[in-house]
Every structure is written in C-alpha cells, then in structure tokens.
Amino acid sequence: MNYMDITLALLLIGLFLLHIMFCYRALTTTAHISNIKRWFWGGVSLLMGPLGYYVYQNLLPLESLE
C-alpha cells in the first residue's frame, strides 16, 4: 500500500464525515418544518453533503428559518 492509497482513504473518510455532519445539522435544526421535510432535508444532505444542505435550505420559506 503506497501513500496515494492512504491519502485517498483519508479523503474518503473525511468526505463521509462531512456528509454526516451536514445530515446531523439538518435533522437538529431549529427551523419550524414538519418531520417529513426535516428527514427529507437530512437525506438530501447525507447524499449531497453541503450542496444538498444549502440548496434545500434556500427552498425553505424564510418564516420557517427564524
């Protein structure tokens, strides 16, 4: 196993942790949305990471993000 394999493994682990962090943030948000929307937001965040988190957050009405 050379250094490129170790680097690639560490980058994939970091990317996986990043996706999990954004999923957790979407599930524990203080936004006033239903549980179905909250879980959908978490799923999108888990699959797409920060991009999914922020794209879905921009689709929410501003009243729910107080």
PDB file of N, CA and C in Angstrom:
ATOM      1  N   MET A   1       0.849  -1.181   0.000  1.00  0.00           N
ATOM      2  CA  MET A   1       0.000   0.000   0.000  1.00  0.00           C
ATOM      3  C   MET A   1       0.893   1.243   0.000  1.00  0.00           C
ATOM      4  N   ASN A   2       0.722   2.083  -0.974  1.00  0.00           N
ATOM      5  CA  ASN A   2       1.573   3.270  -1.043  1.00  0.00           C
ATOM      6  C   ASN A   2       0.847   4.484  -0.451  1.00  0.00           C
ATOM      7  N   TYR A   3       1.501   5.624  -0.488  1.00  0.00           N
ATOM      8  CA  TYR A   3       0.969   6.834   0.144  1.00  0.00           C
ATOM      9  C   TYR A   3      -0.292   7.344  -0.550  1.00  0.00           C
ATOM     10  N   MET A   4      -0.427   7.099  -1.839  1.00  0.00           N
ATOM     11  CA  MET A   4      -1.613   7.547  -2.561  1.00  0.00           C
ATOM     12  C   MET A   4      -2.848   6.813  -2.059  1.00  0.00           C
ATOM     13  N   ASP A   5      -2.735   5.539  -1.747  1.00  0.00           N
ATOM     14  CA  ASP A   5      -3.863   4.776  -1.216  1.00  0.00           C
ATOM     15  C   ASP A   5      -4.273   5.289   0.155  1.00  0.00           C
ATOM     16  N   ILE A   6      -3.305   5.601   0.990  1.00  0.00           N
ATOM     17  CA  ILE A   6      -3.601   6.125   2.323  1.00  0.00           C
ATOM     18  C   ILE A   6      -4.264   7.492   2.212  1.00  0.00           C
ATOM     19  N   THR A   7      -3.751   8.332   1.341  1.00  0.00           N
ATOM     20  CA  THR A   7      -4.319   9.659   1.143  1.00  0.00           C
ATOM     21  C   THR A   7      -5.753   9.555   0.635  1.00  0.00           C
ATOM     22  N   LEU A   8      -5.990   8.699  -0.316  1.00  0.00           N
ATOM     23  CA  LEU A   8      -7.333   8.520  -0.863  1.00  0.00           C
ATOM     24  C   LEU A   8      -8.291   7.999   0.210  1.00  0.00           C
ATOM     25  N   ALA A   9      -7.848   7.066   1.020  1.00  0.00           N
ATOM     26  CA  ALA A   9      -8.691   6.536   2.095  1.00  0.00           C
ATOM     27  C   ALA A   9      -9.022   7.625   3.109  1.00  0.00           C
ATOM     28  N   LEU A  10      -8.055   8.448   3.480  1.00  0.00           N
ATOM     29  CA  LEU A  10      -8.308   9.535   4.424  1.00  0.00           C
ATOM     30  C   LEU A  10      -9.255  10.584   3.848  1.00  0.00           C
ATOM     31  N   LEU A  11      -9.107  10.895   2.571  1.00  0.00           N
ATOM     32  CA  LEU A  11     -10.005  11.847   1.926  1.00  0.00           C
ATOM     33  C   LEU A  11     -11.437  11.314   1.866  1.00  0.00           C
ATOM     34  N   LEU A  12     -11.601  10.045   1.586  1.00  0.00           N
ATOM     35  CA  LEU A  12     -12.947   9.464   1.551  1.00  0.00           C
ATOM     36  C   LEU A  12     -13.582   9.428   2.936  1.00  0.00           C
ATOM     37  N   ILE A  13     -12.789   9.138   3.945  1.00  0.00           N
ATOM     38  CA  ILE A  13     -13.307   9.155   5.320  1.00  0.00           C
ATOM     39  C   ILE A  13     -13.712  10.576   5.708  1.00  0.00           C
ATOM     40  N   GLY A  14     -12.905  11.552   5.353  1.00  0.00           N
ATOM     41  CA  GLY A  14     -13.232  12.953   5.625  1.00  0.00           C
ATOM     42  C   GLY A  14     -14.495  13.400   4.917  1.00  0.00           C
ATOM     43  N   LEU A  15     -14.646  12.984   3.670  1.00  0.00           N
ATOM     44  CA  LEU A  15     -15.851  13.324   2.915  1.00  0.00           C
ATOM     45  C   LEU A  15     -17.082  12.684   3.529  1.00  0.00           C
ATOM     46  N   PHE A  16     -16.963  11.446   3.964  1.00  0.00           N
ATOM     47  CA  PHE A  16     -18.062  10.748   4.615  1.00  0.00           C
ATOM     48  C   PHE A  16     -18.462  11.457   5.918  1.00  0.00           C
ATOM     49  N   LEU A  17     -17.477  11.869   6.705  1.00  0.00           N
ATOM     50  CA  LEU A  17     -17.757  12.588   7.949  1.00  0.00           C
ATOM     51  C   LEU A  17     -18.404  13.946   7.682  1.00  0.00           C
ATOM     52  N   LEU A  18     -17.989  14.615   6.625  1.00  0.00           N
ATOM     53  CA  LEU A  18     -18.586  15.895   6.255  1.00  0.00           C
ATOM     54  C   LEU A  18     -20.062  15.723   5.919  1.00  0.00           C
ATOM     55  N   HIS A  19     -20.390  14.699   5.167  1.00  0.00           N
ATOM     56  CA  HIS A  19     -21.785  14.434   4.817  1.00  0.00           C
ATOM     57  C   HIS A  19     -22.607  14.114   6.061  1.00  0.00           C
ATOM     58  N   ILE A  20     -22.033  13.358   6.975  1.00  0.00           N
ATOM     59  CA  ILE A  20     -22.748  13.017   8.207  1.00  0.00           C
ATOM     60  C   ILE A  20     -22.982  14.272   9.052  1.00  0.00           C
ATOM     61  N   MET A  21     -22.013  15.167   9.118  1.00  0.00           N
ATOM     62  CA  MET A  21     -22.178  16.392   9.899  1.00  0.00           C
ATOM     63  C   MET A  21     -23.303  17.262   9.340  1.00  0.00           C
ATOM     64  N   PHE A  22     -23.388  17.383   8.023  1.00  0.00           N
ATOM     65  CA  PHE A  22     -24.454  18.190   7.436  1.00  0.00           C
ATOM     66  C   PHE A  22     -25.810  17.515   7.595  1.00  0.00           C
ATOM     67  N   CYS A  23     -25.855  16.203   7.548  1.00  0.00           N
ATOM     68  CA  CYS A  23     -27.100  15.485   7.791  1.00  0.00           C
ATOM     69  C   CYS A  23     -27.566  15.712   9.226  1.00  0.00           C
ATOM     70  N   TYR A  24     -26.663  15.617  10.170  1.00  0.00           N
ATOM     71  CA  TYR A  24     -26.991  15.838  11.578  1.00  0.00           C
ATOM     72  C   TYR A  24     -27.511  17.258  11.797  1.00  0.00           C
ATOM     73  N   ARG A  25     -26.876  18.226  11.164  1.00  0.00           N
ATOM     74  CA  ARG A  25     -27.304  19.623  11.305  1.00  0.00           C
ATOM     75  C   ARG A  25     -28.705  19.819  10.728  1.00  0.00           C
ATOM     76  N   ALA A  26     -29.015  19.169   9.629  1.00  0.00           N
ATOM     77  CA  ALA A  26     -30.353  19.290   9.044  1.00  0.00           C
ATOM     78  C   ALA A  26     -31.399  18.646   9.941  1.00  0.00           C
ATOM     79  N   LEU A  27     -31.072  17.546  10.585  1.00  0.00           N
ATOM     80  CA  LEU A  27     -32.036  16.862  11.451  1.00  0.00           C
ATOM     81  C   LEU A  27     -32.253  17.592  12.770  1.00  0.00           C
ATOM     82  N   THR A  28     -31.272  18.328  13.246  1.00  0.00           N
ATOM     83  CA  THR A  28     -31.393  19.005  14.535  1.00  0.00           C
ATOM     84  C   THR A  28     -31.620  20.502  14.392  1.00  0.00           C
ATOM     85  N   THR A  29     -32.062  20.955  13.247  1.00  0.00           N
ATOM     86  CA  THR A  29     -32.276  22.377  13.015  1.00  0.00           C
ATOM     87  C   THR A  29     -33.423  22.911  13.869  1.00  0.00           C
ATOM     88  N   THR A  30     -33.408  24.204  14.123  1.00  0.00           N
ATOM     89  CA  THR A  30     -34.492  24.838  14.869  1.00  0.00           C
ATOM     90  C   THR A  30     -35.563  25.408  13.951  1.00  0.00           C
ATOM     91  N   ALA A  31     -35.450  25.145  12.654  1.00  0.00           N
ATOM     92  CA  ALA A  31     -36.456  25.623  11.706  1.00  0.00           C
ATOM     93  C   ALA A  31     -37.804  24.968  12.004  1.00  0.00           C
ATOM     94  N   HIS A  32     -38.856  25.727  11.806  1.00  0.00           N
ATOM     95  CA  HIS A  32     -40.207  25.244  12.072  1.00  0.00           C
ATOM     96  C   HIS A  32     -40.750  24.536  10.830  1.00  0.00           C
ATOM     97  N   ILE A  33     -40.324  23.296  10.630  1.00  0.00           N
ATOM     98  CA  ILE A  33     -40.787  22.495   9.497  1.00  0.00           C
ATOM     99  C   ILE A  33     -41.247  21.143  10.021  1.00  0.00           C
ATOM    100  N   SER A  34     -42.037  20.446   9.206  1.00  0.00           N
ATOM    101  CA  SER A  34     -42.552  19.142   9.622  1.00  0.00           C
ATOM    102  C   SER A  34     -41.422  18.109   9.668  1.00  0.00           C
ATOM    103  N   ASN A  35     -41.697  17.009  10.352  1.00  0.00           N
ATOM    104  CA  ASN A  35     -40.686  15.952  10.460  1.00  0.00           C
ATOM    105  C   ASN A  35     -40.380  15.328   9.108  1.00  0.00           C
ATOM    106  N   ILE A  36     -41.370  15.244   8.236  1.00  0.00           N
ATOM    107  CA  ILE A  36     -41.129  14.675   6.899  1.00  0.00           C
ATOM    108  C   ILE A  36     -40.137  15.543   6.135  1.00  0.00           C
ATOM    109  N   LYS A  37     -40.333  16.871   6.163  1.00  0.00           N
ATOM    110  CA  LYS A  37     -39.402  17.775   5.491  1.00  0.00           C
ATOM    111  C   LYS A  37     -38.026  17.730   6.148  1.00  0.00           C
ATOM    112  N   ARG A  38     -38.015  17.600   7.473  1.00  0.00           N
ATOM    113  CA  ARG A  38     -36.746  17.541   8.202  1.00  0.00           C
ATOM    114  C   ARG A  38     -35.954  16.293   7.790  1.00  0.00           C
ATOM    115  N   TRP A  39     -36.630  15.144   7.707  1.00  0.00           N
ATOM    116  CA  TRP A  39     -35.942  13.908   7.310  1.00  0.00           C
ATOM    117  C   TRP A  39     -35.540  13.943   5.842  1.00  0.00           C
ATOM    118  N   PHE A  40     -36.373  14.564   4.997  1.00  0.00           N
ATOM    119  CA  PHE A  40     -36.010  14.715   3.588  1.00  0.00           C
ATOM    120  C   PHE A  40     -34.759  15.582   3.462  1.00  0.00           C
ATOM    121  N   TRP A  41     -34.727  16.672   4.215  1.00  0.00           N
ATOM    122  CA  TRP A  41     -33.566  17.567   4.220  1.00  0.00           C
ATOM    123  C   TRP A  41     -32.325  16.825   4.698  1.00  0.00           C
ATOM    124  N   GLY A  42     -32.493  16.005   5.734  1.00  0.00           N
ATOM    125  CA  GLY A  42     -31.368  15.203   6.214  1.00  0.00           C
ATOM    126  C   GLY A  42     -30.880  14.211   5.172  1.00  0.00           C
ATOM    127  N   GLY A  43     -31.810  13.573   4.453  1.00  0.00           N
ATOM    128  CA  GLY A  43     -31.426  12.619   3.409  1.00  0.00           C
ATOM    129  C   GLY A  43     -30.699  13.286   2.257  1.00  0.00           C
ATOM    130  N   VAL A  44     -31.208  14.443   1.845  1.00  0.00           N
ATOM    131  CA  VAL A  44     -30.548  15.186   0.767  1.00  0.00           C
ATOM    132  C   VAL A  44     -29.158  15.618   1.217  1.00  0.00           C
ATOM    133  N   SER A  45     -29.051  16.044   2.472  1.00  0.00           N
ATOM    134  CA  SER A  45     -27.747  16.459   2.997  1.00  0.00           C
ATOM    135  C   SER A  45     -26.782  15.283   3.084  1.00  0.00           C
ATOM    136  N   LEU A  46     -27.307  14.124   3.443  1.00  0.00           N
ATOM    137  CA  LEU A  46     -26.448  12.947   3.537  1.00  0.00           C
ATOM    138  C   LEU A  46     -25.939  12.522   2.162  1.00  0.00           C
ATOM    139  N   LEU A  47     -26.785  12.610   1.166  1.00  0.00           N
ATOM    140  CA  LEU A  47     -26.384  12.197  -0.180  1.00  0.00           C
ATOM    141  C   LEU A  47     -25.497  13.222  -0.876  1.00  0.00           C
ATOM    142  N   MET A  48     -25.802  14.510  -0.681  1.00  0.00           N
ATOM    143  CA  MET A  48     -25.110  15.542  -1.441  1.00  0.00           C
ATOM    144  C   MET A  48     -24.170  16.402  -0.594  1.00  0.00           C
ATOM    145  N   GLY A  49     -24.162  16.207   0.716  1.00  0.00           N
ATOM    146  CA  GLY A  49     -23.280  16.975   1.590  1.00  0.00           C
ATOM    147  C   GLY A  49     -23.690  18.425   1.697  1.00  0.00           C
ATOM    148  N   PRO A  50     -22.714  19.336   1.741  1.00  0.00           N
ATOM    149  CA  PRO A  50     -23.017  20.758   1.909  1.00  0.00           C
ATOM    150  C   PRO A  50     -23.895  21.310   0.787  1.00  0.00           C
ATOM    151  N   LEU A  51     -23.699  20.836  -0.419  1.00  0.00           N
ATOM    152  CA  LEU A  51     -24.509  21.324  -1.539  1.00  0.00           C
ATOM    153  C   LEU A  51     -25.985  21.030  -1.315  1.00  0.00           C
ATOM    154  N   GLY A  52     -26.315  19.811  -0.933  1.00  0.00           N
ATOM    155  CA  GLY A  52     -27.703  19.458  -0.666  1.00  0.00           C
ATOM    156  C   GLY A  52     -28.275  20.217   0.515  1.00  0.00           C
ATOM    157  N   TYR A  53     -27.473  20.416   1.545  1.00  0.00           N
ATOM    158  CA  TYR A  53     -27.916  21.137   2.736  1.00  0.00           C
ATOM    159  C   TYR A  53     -28.310  22.563   2.379  1.00  0.00           C
ATOM    160  N   TYR A  54     -27.447  23.272   1.680  1.00  0.00           N
ATOM    161  CA  TYR A  54     -27.704  24.677   1.389  1.00  0.00           C
ATOM    162  C   TYR A  54     -28.731  24.870   0.284  1.00  0.00           C
ATOM    163  N   VAL A  55     -28.793  23.975  -0.693  1.00  0.00           N
ATOM    164  CA  VAL A  55     -29.819  24.081  -1.733  1.00  0.00           C
ATOM    165  C   VAL A  55     -31.197  23.899  -1.125  1.00  0.00           C
ATOM    166  N   TYR A  56     -31.380  22.897  -0.267  1.00  0.00           N
ATOM    167  CA  TYR A  56     -32.681  22.678   0.347  1.00  0.00           C
ATOM    168  C   TYR A  56     -33.014  23.812   1.314  1.00  0.00           C
ATOM    169  N   GLN A  57     -32.028  24.331   2.029  1.00  0.00           N
ATOM    170  CA  GLN A  57     -32.280  25.437   2.949  1.00  0.00           C
ATOM    171  C   GLN A  57     -32.767  26.665   2.189  1.00  0.00           C
ATOM    172  N   ASN A  58     -32.272  26.894   0.994  1.00  0.00           N
ATOM    173  CA  ASN A  58     -32.723  28.026   0.192  1.00  0.00           C
ATOM    174  C   ASN A  58     -34.132  27.826  -0.333  1.00  0.00           C
ATOM    175  N   LEU A  59     -34.639  26.601  -0.362  1.00  0.00           N
ATOM    176  CA  LEU A  59     -36.003  26.351  -0.815  1.00  0.00           C
ATOM    177  C   LEU A  59     -37.030  26.551   0.300  1.00  0.00           C
ATOM    178  N   LEU A  60     -36.572  26.582   1.552  1.00  0.00           N
ATOM    179  CA  LEU A  60     -37.483  26.764   2.677  1.00  0.00           C
ATOM    180  C   LEU A  60     -37.956  28.215   2.738  1.00  0.00           C
ATOM    181  N   PRO A  61     -39.215  28.443   3.138  1.00  0.00           N
ATOM    182  CA  PRO A  61     -39.671  29.828   3.317  1.00  0.00           C
ATOM    183  C   PRO A  61     -38.915  30.489   4.474  1.00  0.00           C
ATOM    184  N   LEU A  62     -38.673  31.782   4.352  1.00  0.00           N
ATOM    185  CA  LEU A  62     -37.894  32.473   5.365  1.00  0.00           C
ATOM    186  C   LEU A  62     -38.565  32.483   6.725  1.00  0.00           C
ATOM    187  N   GLU A  63     -39.894  32.377   6.769  1.00  0.00           N
ATOM    188  CA  GLU A  63     -40.597  32.376   8.053  1.00  0.00           C
ATOM    189  C   GLU A  63     -40.220  31.165   8.893  1.00  0.00           C
ATOM    190  N   SER A  64     -39.888  30.050   8.244  1.00  0.00           N
ATOM    191  CA  SER A  64     -39.568  28.832   8.988  1.00  0.00           C
ATOM    192  C   SER A  64     -38.149  28.834   9.527  1.00  0.00           C
ATOM    193  N   LEU A  65     -37.310  29.759   9.080  1.00  0.00           N
ATOM    194  CA  LEU A  65     -35.902  29.779   9.495  1.00  0.00           C
ATOM    195  C   LEU A  65     -35.612  30.811  10.570  1.00  0.00           C
ATOM    196  N   GLU A  66     -36.602  31.236  11.309  1.00  0.00           N
ATOM    197  CA  GLU A  66     -36.417  32.271  12.342  1.00  0.00           C
ATOM    198  C   GLU A  66     -35.388  31.885  13.351  1.00  0.00           C
TER     199      GLU A  66
END
